[in-house]
Amino acid sequence: LFGDSVHNFIDGLAIGASFLVSVPVGIATSLAVILHEIPHEIGDFAALIHGGMNKKQAIFYNFVSGLTAIFGTLFALTLNQYLVGVNNFLLPFAAANLIYIAGTNLIPELHKETQLKKSIIQIFTFILGIAIMYGLLIVG
């Protein structure tokens, strides 16, 4: 539940940052996140039921976890009021996190890695991806 809450918060950051770019980009991002979250939350619900919760508890905890997306959106919009250019950081950060989450869900072998050297390489490539996106943002 904690991991899902963090994931949803980052989804909210992505939505908030996208609305800071423009309303159409915000709407497109919101739709993409919603379409992504429907099967994700169904899977979470099934995992909670399988873990021993009853349906009412699973729905409640899934709902509470989902609320963190709203907090992420509000955080992004509020942060924009106090930090000039925060969107230049939020968009690449949110995108990198979504890519990481997709990669770790689609490539489960990343979870099985136990060698420190390979883990460092994975972290380095993740940071490199963020740097490339930030560089493209500056150049563009």
N, C-alpha and C. Protein backbone atom coordinates (compact mmCIF):
# COMPACT_ATOMS: atom_id res chain seq x y z
N LEU A 1 0.82 -1.20 0.00
CA LEU A 1 0.00 0.00 0.00
C LEU A 1 0.86 1.26 0.00
N PHE A 2 1.97 1.22 0.72
CA PHE A 2 2.85 2.38 0.74
C PHE A 2 3.42 2.65 -0.65
N GLY A 3 3.91 1.59 -1.30
CA GLY A 3 4.46 1.74 -2.64
C GLY A 3 3.43 2.25 -3.63
N ASP A 4 2.20 1.76 -3.51
CA ASP A 4 1.13 2.22 -4.39
C ASP A 4 0.80 3.68 -4.12
N SER A 5 0.87 4.08 -2.86
CA SER A 5 0.61 5.49 -2.52
C SER A 5 1.67 6.40 -3.14
N VAL A 6 2.92 5.98 -3.07
CA VAL A 6 4.00 6.76 -3.69
C VAL A 6 3.79 6.82 -5.20
N HIS A 7 3.46 5.69 -5.79
CA HIS A 7 3.20 5.62 -7.23
C HIS A 7 2.07 6.58 -7.61
N ASN A 8 0.99 6.57 -6.85
CA ASN A 8 -0.14 7.45 -7.15
C ASN A 8 0.22 8.92 -6.94
N PHE A 9 1.03 9.21 -5.93
CA PHE A 9 1.48 10.58 -5.71
C PHE A 9 2.27 11.08 -6.93
N ILE A 10 3.13 10.23 -7.45
CA ILE A 10 3.92 10.60 -8.63
C ILE A 10 3.02 10.75 -9.85
N ASP A 11 2.00 9.91 -9.97
CA ASP A 11 1.01 10.11 -11.03
C ASP A 11 0.39 11.50 -10.90
N GLY A 12 0.07 11.89 -9.67
CA GLY A 12 -0.49 13.22 -9.44
C GLY A 12 0.48 14.33 -9.81
N LEU A 13 1.77 14.13 -9.48
CA LEU A 13 2.78 15.11 -9.89
C LEU A 13 2.80 15.27 -11.41
N ALA A 14 2.72 14.14 -12.11
CA ALA A 14 2.72 14.17 -13.58
C ALA A 14 1.50 14.93 -14.10
N ILE A 15 0.36 14.68 -13.50
CA ILE A 15 -0.86 15.37 -13.93
C ILE A 15 -0.75 16.87 -13.66
N GLY A 16 -0.33 17.23 -12.45
CA GLY A 16 -0.18 18.65 -12.12
C GLY A 16 0.82 19.35 -13.01
N ALA A 17 1.97 18.72 -13.23
CA ALA A 17 3.00 19.30 -14.08
C ALA A 17 2.50 19.45 -15.52
N SER A 18 1.71 18.49 -15.97
CA SER A 18 1.18 18.55 -17.33
C SER A 18 0.19 19.69 -17.49
N PHE A 19 -0.64 19.91 -16.49
CA PHE A 19 -1.56 21.04 -16.56
C PHE A 19 -0.82 22.38 -16.52
N LEU A 20 0.36 22.40 -15.92
CA LEU A 20 1.16 23.63 -15.93
C LEU A 20 1.68 23.93 -17.33
N VAL A 21 1.84 22.89 -18.15
CA VAL A 21 2.26 23.09 -19.54
C VAL A 21 1.10 23.68 -20.33
N SER A 22 -0.04 22.98 -20.31
CA SER A 22 -1.25 23.46 -20.98
C SER A 22 -2.41 22.56 -20.58
N VAL A 23 -3.62 23.07 -20.76
CA VAL A 23 -4.80 22.28 -20.43
C VAL A 23 -4.90 21.02 -21.30
N PRO A 24 -4.68 21.11 -22.63
CA PRO A 24 -4.76 19.88 -23.43
C PRO A 24 -3.73 18.82 -23.01
N VAL A 25 -2.51 19.25 -22.67
CA VAL A 25 -1.50 18.29 -22.21
C VAL A 25 -1.93 17.68 -20.88
N GLY A 26 -2.50 18.50 -20.01
CA GLY A 26 -2.99 18.00 -18.72
C GLY A 26 -4.11 17.00 -18.88
N ILE A 27 -5.03 17.28 -19.79
CA ILE A 27 -6.14 16.35 -20.04
C ILE A 27 -5.61 15.04 -20.62
N ALA A 28 -4.70 15.14 -21.58
CA ALA A 28 -4.13 13.92 -22.19
C ALA A 28 -3.40 13.08 -21.15
N THR A 29 -2.63 13.74 -20.30
CA THR A 29 -1.91 13.02 -19.25
C THR A 29 -2.87 12.39 -18.26
N SER A 30 -3.91 13.12 -17.89
CA SER A 30 -4.91 12.59 -16.97
C SER A 30 -5.57 11.34 -17.54
N LEU A 31 -5.94 11.39 -18.81
CA LEU A 31 -6.56 10.22 -19.44
C LEU A 31 -5.60 9.04 -19.48
N ALA A 32 -4.34 9.32 -19.80
CA ALA A 32 -3.35 8.24 -19.84
C ALA A 32 -3.18 7.61 -18.46
N VAL A 33 -3.12 8.44 -17.43
CA VAL A 33 -2.96 7.92 -16.07
C VAL A 33 -4.19 7.12 -15.66
N ILE A 34 -5.37 7.63 -15.98
CA ILE A 34 -6.60 6.90 -15.64
C ILE A 34 -6.63 5.54 -16.32
N LEU A 35 -6.31 5.51 -17.61
CA LEU A 35 -6.31 4.24 -18.34
C LEU A 35 -5.27 3.27 -17.79
N HIS A 36 -4.17 3.81 -17.31
CA HIS A 36 -3.13 2.98 -16.69
C HIS A 36 -3.57 2.49 -15.32
N GLU A 37 -4.24 3.34 -14.58
CA GLU A 37 -4.60 3.02 -13.20
C GLU A 37 -5.75 2.02 -13.07
N ILE A 38 -6.65 1.98 -14.02
CA ILE A 38 -7.79 1.06 -13.90
C ILE A 38 -7.32 -0.39 -13.72
N PRO A 39 -6.52 -0.94 -14.65
CA PRO A 39 -6.07 -2.32 -14.42
C PRO A 39 -5.12 -2.44 -13.23
N HIS A 40 -4.35 -1.39 -12.98
CA HIS A 40 -3.41 -1.41 -11.86
C HIS A 40 -4.16 -1.53 -10.54
N GLU A 41 -5.20 -0.74 -10.36
CA GLU A 41 -5.96 -0.77 -9.10
C GLU A 41 -6.78 -2.05 -8.97
N ILE A 42 -7.23 -2.60 -10.08
CA ILE A 42 -7.92 -3.89 -10.03
C ILE A 42 -6.95 -4.96 -9.53
N GLY A 43 -5.72 -4.90 -10.04
CA GLY A 43 -4.70 -5.84 -9.57
C GLY A 43 -4.38 -5.65 -8.11
N ASP A 44 -4.30 -4.40 -7.67
CA ASP A 44 -4.06 -4.13 -6.25
C ASP A 44 -5.20 -4.66 -5.40
N PHE A 45 -6.42 -4.47 -5.86
CA PHE A 45 -7.60 -4.96 -5.14
C PHE A 45 -7.52 -6.48 -4.99
N ALA A 46 -7.18 -7.15 -6.08
CA ALA A 46 -7.06 -8.61 -6.03
C ALA A 46 -5.96 -9.05 -5.07
N ALA A 47 -4.84 -8.32 -5.07
CA ALA A 47 -3.74 -8.66 -4.16
C ALA A 47 -4.16 -8.47 -2.70
N LEU A 48 -4.91 -7.42 -2.43
CA LEU A 48 -5.36 -7.17 -1.06
C LEU A 48 -6.35 -8.25 -0.60
N ILE A 49 -7.24 -8.65 -1.50
CA ILE A 49 -8.19 -9.72 -1.18
C ILE A 49 -7.43 -11.02 -0.93
N HIS A 50 -6.49 -11.31 -1.82
CA HIS A 50 -5.69 -12.53 -1.68
C HIS A 50 -4.87 -12.49 -0.39
N GLY A 51 -4.48 -11.29 0.03
CA GLY A 51 -3.70 -11.14 1.25
C GLY A 51 -4.51 -11.24 2.53
N GLY A 52 -5.83 -11.39 2.40
CA GLY A 52 -6.65 -11.61 3.58
C GLY A 52 -7.64 -10.52 3.93
N MET A 53 -7.64 -9.43 3.20
CA MET A 53 -8.62 -8.37 3.49
C MET A 53 -9.98 -8.76 2.94
N ASN A 54 -11.03 -8.24 3.56
CA ASN A 54 -12.35 -8.42 2.97
C ASN A 54 -12.54 -7.34 1.91
N LYS A 55 -13.61 -7.44 1.12
CA LYS A 55 -13.81 -6.52 0.00
C LYS A 55 -13.92 -5.07 0.46
N LYS A 56 -14.61 -4.86 1.56
CA LYS A 56 -14.80 -3.50 2.07
C LYS A 56 -13.46 -2.87 2.46
N GLN A 57 -12.62 -3.64 3.15
CA GLN A 57 -11.30 -3.14 3.54
C GLN A 57 -10.44 -2.86 2.31
N ALA A 58 -10.46 -3.78 1.36
CA ALA A 58 -9.64 -3.62 0.15
C ALA A 58 -10.05 -2.37 -0.62
N ILE A 59 -11.35 -2.15 -0.75
CA ILE A 59 -11.82 -0.95 -1.45
C ILE A 59 -11.39 0.30 -0.70
N PHE A 60 -11.55 0.29 0.62
CA PHE A 60 -11.18 1.45 1.43
C PHE A 60 -9.69 1.78 1.28
N TYR A 61 -8.83 0.79 1.46
CA TYR A 61 -7.39 1.05 1.39
C TYR A 61 -6.95 1.41 -0.03
N ASN A 62 -7.58 0.84 -1.03
CA ASN A 62 -7.30 1.21 -2.40
C ASN A 62 -7.69 2.67 -2.64
N PHE A 63 -8.83 3.07 -2.09
CA PHE A 63 -9.31 4.44 -2.22
C PHE A 63 -8.35 5.42 -1.54
N VAL A 64 -7.96 5.10 -0.32
CA VAL A 64 -7.03 5.97 0.42
C VAL A 64 -5.72 6.10 -0.33
N SER A 65 -5.23 5.00 -0.86
CA SER A 65 -4.00 5.03 -1.64
C SER A 65 -4.17 5.90 -2.89
N GLY A 66 -5.33 5.82 -3.51
CA GLY A 66 -5.60 6.63 -4.70
C GLY A 66 -5.67 8.12 -4.42
N LEU A 67 -6.05 8.49 -3.21
CA LEU A 67 -6.13 9.91 -2.85
C LEU A 67 -4.78 10.61 -2.94
N THR A 68 -3.71 9.85 -2.82
CA THR A 68 -2.39 10.48 -2.88
C THR A 68 -2.12 11.09 -4.26
N ALA A 69 -2.83 10.64 -5.30
CA ALA A 69 -2.70 11.26 -6.62
C ALA A 69 -3.20 12.70 -6.57
N ILE A 70 -4.28 12.92 -5.84
CA ILE A 70 -4.80 14.29 -5.70
C ILE A 70 -3.78 15.15 -4.96
N PHE A 71 -3.18 14.59 -3.91
CA PHE A 71 -2.16 15.34 -3.17
C PHE A 71 -0.96 15.65 -4.06
N GLY A 72 -0.58 14.71 -4.92
CA GLY A 72 0.53 14.95 -5.84
C GLY A 72 0.22 16.08 -6.81
N THR A 73 -1.00 16.09 -7.32
CA THR A 73 -1.42 17.16 -8.24
C THR A 73 -1.40 18.51 -7.53
N LEU A 74 -1.99 18.55 -6.35
CA LEU A 74 -2.02 19.80 -5.59
C LEU A 74 -0.61 20.26 -5.21
N PHE A 75 0.26 19.31 -4.88
CA PHE A 75 1.64 19.64 -4.54
C PHE A 75 2.34 20.28 -5.73
N ALA A 76 2.17 19.71 -6.93
CA ALA A 76 2.80 20.26 -8.13
C ALA A 76 2.29 21.66 -8.41
N LEU A 77 0.98 21.85 -8.32
CA LEU A 77 0.40 23.16 -8.60
C LEU A 77 0.82 24.19 -7.55
N THR A 78 0.90 23.78 -6.29
CA THR A 78 1.32 24.69 -5.22
C THR A 78 2.80 25.02 -5.34
N LEU A 79 3.62 24.02 -5.62
CA LEU A 79 5.05 24.23 -5.76
C LEU A 79 5.35 25.23 -6.87
N ASN A 80 4.55 25.19 -7.92
CA ASN A 80 4.73 26.12 -9.04
C ASN A 80 4.53 27.57 -8.60
N GLN A 81 3.74 27.79 -7.58
CA GLN A 81 3.51 29.16 -7.08
C GLN A 81 4.74 29.73 -6.38
N TYR A 82 5.60 28.87 -5.86
CA TYR A 82 6.72 29.32 -5.04
C TYR A 82 8.09 29.14 -5.68
N LEU A 83 8.20 28.26 -6.64
CA LEU A 83 9.49 28.00 -7.28
C LEU A 83 9.39 28.23 -8.78
N VAL A 84 10.12 29.19 -9.28
CA VAL A 84 10.12 29.48 -10.71
C VAL A 84 10.79 28.33 -11.45
N GLY A 85 10.16 27.86 -12.50
CA GLY A 85 10.74 26.81 -13.32
C GLY A 85 10.66 25.42 -12.73
N VAL A 86 9.84 25.23 -11.70
CA VAL A 86 9.76 23.91 -11.07
C VAL A 86 9.27 22.85 -12.05
N ASN A 87 8.50 23.28 -13.04
CA ASN A 87 7.99 22.33 -14.02
C ASN A 87 9.12 21.73 -14.85
N ASN A 88 10.22 22.46 -14.99
CA ASN A 88 11.37 21.93 -15.72
C ASN A 88 11.98 20.73 -15.00
N PHE A 89 11.70 20.60 -13.72
CA PHE A 89 12.16 19.45 -12.94
C PHE A 89 11.05 18.41 -12.81
N LEU A 90 9.82 18.87 -12.57
CA LEU A 90 8.72 17.93 -12.29
C LEU A 90 8.41 17.01 -13.46
N LEU A 91 8.35 17.56 -14.67
CA LEU A 91 8.00 16.71 -15.82
C LEU A 91 9.02 15.60 -16.05
N PRO A 92 10.32 15.90 -16.12
CA PRO A 92 11.27 14.79 -16.30
C PRO A 92 11.28 13.82 -15.12
N PHE A 93 11.12 14.34 -13.89
CA PHE A 93 11.08 13.47 -12.72
C PHE A 93 9.89 12.52 -12.79
N ALA A 94 8.72 13.05 -13.09
CA ALA A 94 7.52 12.22 -13.17
C ALA A 94 7.64 11.21 -14.32
N ALA A 95 8.15 11.68 -15.46
CA ALA A 95 8.30 10.78 -16.60
C ALA A 95 9.29 9.66 -16.29
N ALA A 96 10.40 10.01 -15.67
CA ALA A 96 11.41 8.99 -15.33
C ALA A 96 10.85 7.97 -14.35
N ASN A 97 10.09 8.43 -13.39
CA ASN A 97 9.49 7.49 -12.44
C ASN A 97 8.48 6.58 -13.11
N LEU A 98 7.68 7.13 -14.01
CA LEU A 98 6.71 6.29 -14.71
C LEU A 98 7.42 5.27 -15.60
N ILE A 99 8.49 5.71 -16.25
CA ILE A 99 9.26 4.77 -17.08
C ILE A 99 9.89 3.69 -16.21
N TYR A 100 10.41 4.08 -15.06
CA TYR A 100 11.00 3.10 -14.14
C TYR A 100 9.95 2.09 -13.68
N ILE A 101 8.80 2.59 -13.28
CA ILE A 101 7.73 1.70 -12.81
C ILE A 101 7.31 0.75 -13.92
N ALA A 102 7.15 1.29 -15.12
CA ALA A 102 6.78 0.44 -16.26
C ALA A 102 7.87 -0.60 -16.52
N GLY A 103 9.11 -0.15 -16.47
CA GLY A 103 10.21 -1.07 -16.73
C GLY A 103 10.33 -2.17 -15.69
N THR A 104 10.11 -1.82 -14.45
CA THR A 104 10.24 -2.84 -13.41
C THR A 104 9.04 -3.77 -13.38
N ASN A 105 7.90 -3.30 -13.85
CA ASN A 105 6.75 -4.19 -13.94
C ASN A 105 6.81 -5.05 -15.20
N LEU A 106 7.33 -4.47 -16.27
CA LEU A 106 7.40 -5.20 -17.53
C LEU A 106 8.65 -6.06 -17.61
N ILE A 107 9.66 -5.71 -16.85
CA ILE A 107 10.91 -6.47 -16.86
C ILE A 107 11.19 -6.93 -15.43
N PRO A 108 10.52 -7.97 -14.97
CA PRO A 108 10.67 -8.40 -13.58
C PRO A 108 12.08 -8.84 -13.21
N GLU A 109 12.92 -9.07 -14.20
CA GLU A 109 14.29 -9.48 -13.89
C GLU A 109 15.02 -8.41 -13.07
N LEU A 110 14.59 -7.16 -13.20
CA LEU A 110 15.22 -6.09 -12.42
C LEU A 110 15.05 -6.33 -10.92
N HIS A 111 13.96 -6.98 -10.54
CA HIS A 111 13.71 -7.27 -9.13
C HIS A 111 14.62 -8.39 -8.61
N LYS A 112 15.10 -9.22 -9.51
CA LYS A 112 15.87 -10.40 -9.11
C LYS A 112 17.36 -10.12 -8.98
N GLU A 113 17.79 -8.93 -9.37
CA GLU A 113 19.22 -8.62 -9.38
C GLU A 113 19.78 -8.52 -7.97
N THR A 114 20.84 -9.29 -7.72
CA THR A 114 21.47 -9.29 -6.40
C THR A 114 22.92 -8.81 -6.45
N GLN A 115 23.48 -8.67 -7.64
CA GLN A 115 24.87 -8.24 -7.75
C GLN A 115 24.95 -6.72 -7.68
N LEU A 116 25.78 -6.22 -6.80
CA LEU A 116 25.90 -4.79 -6.58
C LEU A 116 26.28 -4.05 -7.86
N LYS A 117 27.22 -4.61 -8.62
CA LYS A 117 27.68 -3.95 -9.84
C LYS A 117 26.53 -3.75 -10.82
N LYS A 118 25.71 -4.77 -11.01
CA LYS A 118 24.59 -4.65 -11.93
C LYS A 118 23.53 -3.69 -11.40
N SER A 119 23.33 -3.68 -10.10
CA SER A 119 22.37 -2.74 -9.51
C SER A 119 22.84 -1.30 -9.71
N ILE A 120 24.13 -1.07 -9.57
CA ILE A 120 24.68 0.27 -9.78
C ILE A 120 24.50 0.68 -11.23
N ILE A 121 24.70 -0.24 -12.15
CA ILE A 121 24.50 0.06 -13.58
C ILE A 121 23.04 0.42 -13.83
N GLN A 122 22.12 -0.31 -13.22
CA GLN A 122 20.70 0.00 -13.39
C GLN A 122 20.36 1.39 -12.86
N ILE A 123 20.89 1.73 -11.70
CA ILE A 123 20.64 3.06 -11.13
C ILE A 123 21.26 4.14 -12.02
N PHE A 124 22.47 3.88 -12.50
CA PHE A 124 23.15 4.84 -13.37
C PHE A 124 22.34 5.09 -14.64
N THR A 125 21.85 4.03 -15.26
CA THR A 125 21.07 4.22 -16.49
C THR A 125 19.76 4.95 -16.21
N PHE A 126 19.18 4.73 -15.05
CA PHE A 126 17.98 5.46 -14.67
C PHE A 126 18.28 6.96 -14.55
N ILE A 127 19.38 7.29 -13.87
CA ILE A 127 19.78 8.69 -13.72
C ILE A 127 20.15 9.28 -15.07
N LEU A 128 20.80 8.50 -15.92
CA LEU A 128 21.14 8.96 -17.26
C LEU A 128 19.88 9.31 -18.05
N GLY A 129 18.86 8.49 -17.91
CA GLY A 129 17.59 8.77 -18.58
C GLY A 129 17.00 10.10 -18.13
N ILE A 130 17.06 10.36 -16.83
CA ILE A 130 16.58 11.64 -16.30
C ILE A 130 17.41 12.79 -16.88
N ALA A 131 18.72 12.61 -16.92
CA ALA A 131 19.61 13.65 -17.43
C ALA A 131 19.34 13.93 -18.91
N ILE A 132 19.10 12.89 -19.68
CA ILE A 132 18.80 13.07 -21.11
C ILE A 132 17.51 13.85 -21.28
N MET A 133 16.48 13.47 -20.51
CA MET A 133 15.21 14.19 -20.61
C MET A 133 15.37 15.65 -20.20
N TYR A 134 16.13 15.90 -19.15
CA TYR A 134 16.36 17.27 -18.70
C TYR A 134 17.14 18.04 -19.76
N GLY A 135 18.14 17.39 -20.36
CA GLY A 135 18.91 18.03 -21.43
C GLY A 135 18.04 18.38 -22.62
N LEU A 136 17.15 17.48 -23.00
CA LEU A 136 16.24 17.76 -24.10
C LEU A 136 15.31 18.92 -23.76
N LEU A 137 14.92 19.01 -22.52
CA LEU A 137 14.07 20.11 -22.08
C LEU A 137 14.79 21.44 -22.20
N ILE A 138 16.07 21.46 -21.83
CA ILE A 138 16.85 22.70 -21.90
C ILE A 138 17.09 23.10 -23.35
N VAL A 139 17.46 22.14 -24.19
CA VAL A 139 17.75 22.41 -25.60
C VAL A 139 16.49 22.84 -26.34
N GLY A 140 15.37 22.13 -26.03
CA GLY A 140 14.10 22.40 -26.73
C GLY A 140 13.53 23.67 -26.27
